[in-house]
Amino acid sequence: MTTTHPPQSTPTTPSSHFDAAARDWDQRPMSQQLAAVPPLLLAHLPLSPTDQVLDFGAGTGLLATQIAPKVAHVTALDMSAAMLQVLDEKGVANITTHHGDIFDGLPGRYHAIVSCMALHHVADTAALMRAFAAALHPGGRIALVDLYAEDGSFHGDNAAKGVQHLGFAPEALQAQAEQAGLQGIVFTGILHMQHRNGQSYPLFLMTGHKP
């Protein structure tokens, strides 16, 4: 008899890689480059002081800590308890960490869902878009950052790091988002990551909303 398992959120392999790296995560050269993402994302995401926001694959709080001053509350969701512990220790009063899988349910509904470099760790992105749509209030927005399609060299050891997609073709993600009921999907190139291998990897910002 074949047993089927539900799709897993970030990451799809055991989170030992992320747990082991958590303490030094913010000091990594790639993390320091990604520190440019929050203001670029926020320029495309209208927020209100009363908003509840979900940060999917929040890690140590790259996005959550920058969004928190602008909203009522941020729920930081991640599969790595060690990454979330680092975020907790930053002591931001209106950030609540949530250790778990989005497909196991969420503690609330949200006016916005944000994410940075987590989508490529999720095998079933169509199911993820449906989960996002279900978790949003009417009128709620998404602002998701990830890699355009790449040759597999960005992470290097893709299997060990739980990589499920070598970046994305925008039209494929747009179709999945629209099938999930999201509208107004727009892709904007926002950053080029300079890798130690000498290559440059472009990142997109995917925005849209729930009717």
Protein backbone atom coordinates (compact mmCIF):
# COMPACT_ATOMS: atom_id res chain seq x y z
CA MET A 1 0.00 0.00 0.00
CA THR A 2 1.31 3.43 -0.92
CA THR A 3 1.14 6.13 1.70
CA THR A 4 0.82 9.69 0.46
CA HIS A 5 2.13 12.61 2.41
CA PRO A 6 0.94 16.19 2.30
CA PRO A 7 3.17 18.75 0.62
CA GLN A 8 5.74 20.22 2.95
CA SER A 9 6.62 23.86 3.40
CA THR A 10 10.07 25.33 3.87
CA PRO A 11 12.31 23.41 3.96
CA THR A 12 11.26 20.02 2.61
CA THR A 13 14.27 18.16 3.99
CA PRO A 14 14.99 17.97 7.72
CA SER A 15 15.76 21.47 8.92
CA SER A 16 19.17 20.46 10.30
CA HIS A 17 20.97 22.59 7.67
CA PHE A 18 19.07 25.70 8.74
CA ASP A 19 19.25 24.83 12.44
CA ALA A 20 23.03 24.43 12.25
CA ALA A 21 23.47 27.70 10.36
CA ALA A 22 21.05 29.79 12.43
CA ARG A 23 23.51 31.45 14.81
CA ASP A 24 25.66 32.82 12.01
CA TRP A 25 22.89 33.28 9.44
CA ASP A 26 22.70 37.06 9.60
CA GLN A 27 26.47 37.39 9.13
CA ARG A 28 26.60 35.33 5.93
CA PRO A 29 27.57 37.40 2.87
CA MET A 30 24.39 36.32 1.06
CA SER A 31 22.23 37.32 4.03
CA GLN A 32 23.92 40.71 4.12
CA GLN A 33 23.09 41.20 0.44
CA LEU A 34 19.48 40.22 1.11
CA ALA A 35 19.26 43.00 3.70
CA ALA A 36 18.54 45.24 0.69
CA VAL A 37 15.27 43.39 0.04
CA PRO A 38 12.94 44.74 2.76
CA PRO A 39 12.86 48.40 1.63
CA LEU A 40 12.46 47.33 -2.00
CA LEU A 41 9.59 45.02 -1.07
CA LEU A 42 7.93 47.61 1.16
CA ALA A 43 7.95 50.10 -1.71
CA HIS A 44 5.52 47.76 -3.51
CA LEU A 45 3.40 46.68 -0.54
CA PRO A 46 0.83 49.08 0.95
CA LEU A 47 0.56 48.44 4.68
CA SER A 48 -1.60 49.82 7.46
CA PRO A 49 -0.84 50.17 11.20
CA THR A 50 -3.76 47.79 11.85
CA ASP A 51 -2.53 45.03 9.51
CA GLN A 52 -1.76 41.45 10.50
CA VAL A 53 1.08 40.06 8.36
CA LEU A 54 2.42 36.54 7.78
CA ASP A 55 6.12 36.13 6.97
CA PHE A 56 6.44 32.72 5.31
CA GLY A 57 9.84 31.08 5.79
CA ALA A 58 10.77 33.92 8.10
CA GLY A 59 14.12 32.54 9.24
CA THR A 60 15.90 34.97 11.54
CA GLY A 61 13.57 37.82 10.63
CA LEU A 62 15.07 39.56 7.60
CA LEU A 63 11.61 40.77 6.58
CA ALA A 64 9.67 40.45 9.81
CA THR A 65 11.83 42.86 11.79
CA GLN A 66 11.54 45.55 9.10
CA ILE A 67 7.80 45.13 8.61
CA ALA A 68 6.88 44.97 12.30
CA PRO A 69 7.18 48.74 12.99
CA LYS A 70 4.68 49.45 10.22
CA VAL A 71 1.89 47.03 11.21
CA ALA A 72 -0.04 45.70 14.19
CA HIS A 73 1.48 42.22 14.23
CA VAL A 74 3.72 39.85 12.27
CA THR A 75 3.47 36.06 12.49
CA ALA A 76 6.87 34.60 11.56
CA LEU A 77 6.44 31.05 10.23
CA ASP A 78 9.37 28.70 9.69
CA MET A 79 10.25 25.01 9.88
CA SER A 80 13.55 25.70 11.67
CA ALA A 81 13.16 26.16 15.42
CA ALA A 82 16.74 27.40 15.73
CA MET A 83 16.19 30.16 13.16
CA LEU A 84 13.07 31.28 14.97
CA GLN A 85 14.91 31.25 18.30
CA VAL A 86 17.40 33.75 16.86
CA LEU A 87 14.45 35.90 15.80
CA ASP A 88 12.80 35.61 19.21
CA GLU A 89 16.01 36.81 20.84
CA LYS A 90 15.80 40.05 18.84
CA GLY A 91 12.95 40.98 21.16
CA VAL A 92 10.50 42.62 18.75
CA ALA A 93 7.29 42.88 20.73
CA ASN A 94 4.80 42.52 17.88
CA ILE A 95 6.44 39.53 16.18
CA THR A 96 5.18 36.07 17.16
CA THR A 97 7.16 33.09 15.90
CA HIS A 98 5.29 30.00 14.73
CA HIS A 99 7.28 26.78 14.28
CA GLY A 100 5.49 24.57 11.81
CA ASP A 101 4.27 23.77 8.32
CA ILE A 102 1.80 26.06 6.57
CA PHE A 103 -0.07 22.99 5.32
CA ASP A 104 -0.82 22.03 8.93
CA GLY A 105 -2.80 25.23 9.38
CA LEU A 106 -2.17 28.77 10.56
CA PRO A 107 -3.14 30.65 13.72
CA GLY A 108 -5.07 33.37 11.92
CA ARG A 109 -5.84 35.25 8.72
CA TYR A 110 -3.76 38.04 7.30
CA HIS A 111 -3.87 41.33 5.42
CA ALA A 112 -0.53 40.55 3.75
CA ILE A 113 1.77 37.57 3.24
CA VAL A 114 5.44 38.18 2.57
CA SER A 115 8.34 35.84 1.89
CA CYS A 116 12.01 36.05 0.91
CA MET A 117 13.86 33.10 -0.65
CA ALA A 118 11.53 30.42 0.72
CA LEU A 119 9.39 29.43 -2.28
CA HIS A 120 12.14 27.35 -3.89
CA HIS A 121 12.13 25.08 -0.83
CA VAL A 122 8.47 24.10 -1.37
CA ALA A 123 7.82 21.18 -3.72
CA ASP A 124 4.16 21.95 -4.42
CA THR A 125 3.99 25.66 -5.09
CA ALA A 126 0.47 25.36 -6.49
CA ALA A 127 -0.69 24.08 -3.10
CA LEU A 128 1.30 26.87 -1.44
CA MET A 129 -0.52 29.52 -3.49
CA ARG A 130 -3.84 27.98 -2.45
CA ALA A 131 -2.73 28.10 1.19
CA PHE A 132 -1.76 31.75 0.80
CA ALA A 133 -5.10 32.60 -0.78
CA ALA A 134 -7.01 30.80 1.97
CA ALA A 135 -5.04 32.62 4.67
CA LEU A 136 -5.66 36.11 3.28
CA HIS A 137 -8.51 38.42 4.16
CA PRO A 138 -10.42 39.73 1.12
CA GLY A 139 -8.24 42.42 -0.40
CA GLY A 140 -5.15 40.92 1.21
CA ARG A 141 -1.85 41.10 -0.65
CA ILE A 142 1.16 38.92 -1.37
CA ALA A 143 4.74 40.13 -1.79
CA LEU A 144 7.08 37.21 -2.46
CA VAL A 145 10.79 37.34 -3.34
CA ASP A 146 12.69 34.48 -4.95
CA LEU A 147 15.08 33.50 -7.72
CA TYR A 148 14.37 33.64 -11.41
CA ALA A 149 15.15 30.27 -13.07
CA GLU A 150 18.85 29.40 -12.61
CA ASP A 151 21.20 26.56 -13.49
CA GLY A 152 21.40 24.98 -10.04
CA SER A 153 24.66 26.66 -9.08
CA PHE A 154 23.17 29.19 -6.64
CA HIS A 155 22.96 26.78 -3.71
CA GLY A 156 25.45 24.20 -4.93
CA ASP A 157 24.44 21.24 -2.76
CA ASN A 158 20.76 21.52 -3.62
CA ALA A 159 19.57 18.28 -2.03
CA ALA A 160 21.23 18.95 1.32
CA LYS A 161 19.72 22.43 1.42
CA GLY A 162 16.19 21.28 0.63
CA VAL A 163 16.03 22.96 -2.77
CA GLN A 164 12.95 21.87 -4.74
CA HIS A 165 13.09 24.38 -7.62
CA LEU A 166 16.05 25.93 -9.42
CA GLY A 167 14.35 29.29 -9.39
CA PHE A 168 11.12 30.01 -11.24
CA ALA A 169 9.71 31.02 -14.59
CA PRO A 170 7.29 33.85 -13.73
CA GLU A 171 4.54 32.63 -16.03
CA ALA A 172 4.36 29.29 -14.21
CA LEU A 173 4.03 30.87 -10.76
CA GLN A 174 1.54 33.41 -12.11
CA ALA A 175 -0.66 30.63 -13.46
CA GLN A 176 -0.59 28.82 -10.12
CA ALA A 177 -1.44 32.02 -8.23
CA GLU A 178 -4.33 32.82 -10.55
CA GLN A 179 -5.66 29.28 -10.30
CA ALA A 180 -5.60 29.74 -6.51
CA GLY A 181 -7.80 32.82 -6.88
CA LEU A 182 -5.18 35.56 -6.61
CA GLN A 183 -5.30 38.49 -9.02
CA GLY A 184 -3.20 41.35 -10.32
CA ILE A 185 -0.01 39.30 -10.35
CA VAL A 186 3.04 41.39 -11.25
CA PHE A 187 6.71 40.39 -11.34
CA THR A 188 9.38 43.02 -10.73
CA GLY A 189 13.11 42.41 -10.84
CA ILE A 190 14.43 43.92 -7.60
CA LEU A 191 17.95 42.67 -6.86
CA HIS A 192 20.93 40.85 -8.31
CA MET A 193 22.74 38.56 -5.87
CA GLN A 194 26.51 38.51 -6.36
CA HIS A 195 27.68 34.97 -5.64
CA ARG A 196 31.14 33.86 -4.50
CA ASN A 197 31.22 31.70 -7.66
CA GLY A 198 31.38 34.91 -9.70
CA GLN A 199 27.86 34.67 -11.08
CA SER A 200 25.03 37.14 -10.60
CA TYR A 201 21.55 35.81 -9.84
CA PRO A 202 18.48 38.02 -10.34
CA LEU A 203 15.62 37.99 -7.84
CA PHE A 204 11.99 38.84 -8.54
CA LEU A 205 9.30 40.35 -6.40
CA MET A 206 5.89 38.78 -7.07
CA THR A 207 2.93 40.88 -5.97
CA GLY A 208 -0.82 40.34 -6.20
CA HIS A 209 -3.98 40.36 -4.15
CA LYS A 210 -7.03 38.37 -3.14
CA PRO A 211 -10.30 39.88 -4.47
